[in-house]
C-alpha atoms as a PDB file:
ATOM      1  CA  MET A   1       2.036  -3.301  -8.825  1.00  0.00           C
ATOM      2  CA  ASP A   2      -0.346  -0.520  -7.424  1.00  0.00           C
ATOM      3  CA  HIS A   3       0.718   3.114  -6.679  1.00  0.00           C
ATOM      4  CA  ILE A   4       0.896   3.086  -2.748  1.00  0.00           C
ATOM      5  CA  THR A   5       0.738   6.741  -1.187  1.00  0.00           C
ATOM      6  CA  TRP A   6       2.796   6.750   2.158  1.00  0.00           C
ATOM      7  CA  GLU A   7       1.946   8.677   5.041  1.00  0.00           C
ATOM      8  CA  GLU A   8       4.658  10.639   6.916  1.00  0.00           C
ATOM      9  CA  PRO A   9       6.660   8.263   9.233  1.00  0.00           C
ATOM     10  CA  PHE A  10       5.485   7.581  13.009  1.00  0.00           C
ATOM     11  CA  CYS A  11       8.748   7.324  15.089  1.00  0.00           C
ATOM     12  CA  GLY A  12       9.274   6.523  18.503  1.00  0.00           C
ATOM     13  CA  GLU A  13      11.984   7.754  20.605  1.00  0.00           C
ATOM     14  CA  GLY A  14      15.330   5.903  19.680  1.00  0.00           C
ATOM     15  CA  ALA A  15      13.043   3.170  17.576  1.00  0.00           C
ATOM     16  CA  SER A  16      12.427   2.424  13.977  1.00  0.00           C
ATOM     17  CA  CYS A  17      10.105   4.751  12.126  1.00  0.00           C
ATOM     18  CA  PHE A  18       6.723   2.931  10.725  1.00  0.00           C
ATOM     19  CA  ARG A  19       4.902   4.225   7.626  1.00  0.00           C
ATOM     20  CA  LEU A  20       1.254   3.503   6.778  1.00  0.00           C
ATOM     21  CA  GLY A  21       0.116   3.679   3.292  1.00  0.00           C
ATOM     22  CA  ILE A  22      -2.904   3.237   1.107  1.00  0.00           C
ATOM     23  CA  ASP A  23      -3.560   2.247  -2.605  1.00  0.00           C
ATOM     24  CA  ASP A  24      -6.629   3.003  -4.880  1.00  0.00           C
ATOM     25  CA  LYS A  25      -7.875  -0.743  -4.563  1.00  0.00           C
ATOM     26  CA  ASP A  26      -8.621  -0.098  -0.685  1.00  0.00           C
ATOM     27  CA  ASN A  27      -5.477  -1.900   0.468  1.00  0.00           C
ATOM     28  CA  ALA A  28      -3.384  -0.736   3.304  1.00  0.00           C
ATOM     29  CA  TYR A  29       0.243  -0.920   3.880  1.00  0.00           C
ATOM     30  CA  ILE A  30       2.628  -0.937   6.859  1.00  0.00           C
ATOM     31  CA  ALA A  31       6.583  -0.620   6.392  1.00  0.00           C
ATOM     32  CA  ILE A  32       9.572   0.521   8.102  1.00  0.00           C
ATOM     33  CA  ALA A  33      10.624   4.066   6.991  1.00  0.00           C
ATOM     34  CA  GLY A  34      13.474   3.527   4.201  1.00  0.00           C
ATOM     35  CA  ALA A  35      12.404   0.074   3.589  1.00  0.00           C
ATOM     36  CA  GLU A  36       8.900   0.559   1.898  1.00  0.00           C
ATOM     37  CA  ASP A  37       9.797  -2.173  -0.692  1.00  0.00           C
ATOM     38  CA  THR A  38       9.333  -4.761   2.148  1.00  0.00           C
ATOM     39  CA  TYR A  39       5.673  -4.026   3.679  1.00  0.00           C
ATOM     40  CA  LEU A  40       2.946  -5.846   5.226  1.00  0.00           C
ATOM     41  CA  THR A  41      -0.533  -5.469   3.300  1.00  0.00           C
ATOM     42  CA  ASP A  42      -4.070  -6.095   3.940  1.00  0.00           C
ATOM     43  CA  THR A  43      -7.287  -4.360   3.803  1.00  0.00           C
ATOM     44  CA  ARG A  44      -7.944  -0.690   4.871  1.00  0.00           C
ATOM     45  CA  GLU A  45     -10.662  -2.159   7.016  1.00  0.00           C
ATOM     46  CA  ALA A  46      -7.986  -4.587   8.724  1.00  0.00           C
ATOM     47  CA  LEU A  47      -5.912  -1.715   9.287  1.00  0.00           C
ATOM     48  CA  ARG A  48      -8.746   0.516  10.786  1.00  0.00           C
ATOM     49  CA  THR A  49      -9.405  -2.590  13.254  1.00  0.00           C
ATOM     50  CA  LEU A  50      -5.804  -2.942  14.095  1.00  0.00           C
ATOM     51  CA  ILE A  51      -5.507   0.891  14.844  1.00  0.00           C
ATOM     52  CA  ARG A  52      -8.780   0.875  16.915  1.00  0.00           C
ATOM     53  CA  ASP A  53      -7.510  -2.311  18.862  1.00  0.00           C
ATOM     54  CA  ILE A  54      -4.165  -0.703  19.755  1.00  0.00           C
ATOM     55  CA  LYS A  55      -6.071   2.418  20.810  1.00  0.00           C
ATOM     56  CA  ALA A  56      -8.138   0.397  23.120  1.00  0.00           C
ATOM     57  CA  GLY A  57      -5.188  -0.970  24.824  1.00  0.00           C
ATOM     58  CA  LYS A  58      -5.173  -4.646  23.482  1.00  0.00           C
ATOM     59  CA  ALA A  59      -1.702  -4.382  22.485  1.00  0.00           C
ATOM     60  CA  ASP A  60      -0.397  -2.868  25.713  1.00  0.00           C
ATOM     61  CA  HIS A  61       1.074  -6.012  27.105  1.00  0.00           C
ATOM     62  CA  LEU A  62       3.828  -5.763  24.063  1.00  0.00           C
ATOM     63  CA  LEU A  63       5.043  -2.461  25.588  1.00  0.00           C
END
């Protein structure tokens, strides 16, 4: 397993905290803080696209 460097958690009010991480092989990771051993992984480009789409409002219907 590659070493994952985790960012500080992103926490919502009264919600779970999520962490984003990267490794040295250009992979990106998303996990719930405290459960970093169970994560979703894809490329850093896929994570970049996800973040851009969220910022553009493409996930607003989930709020």
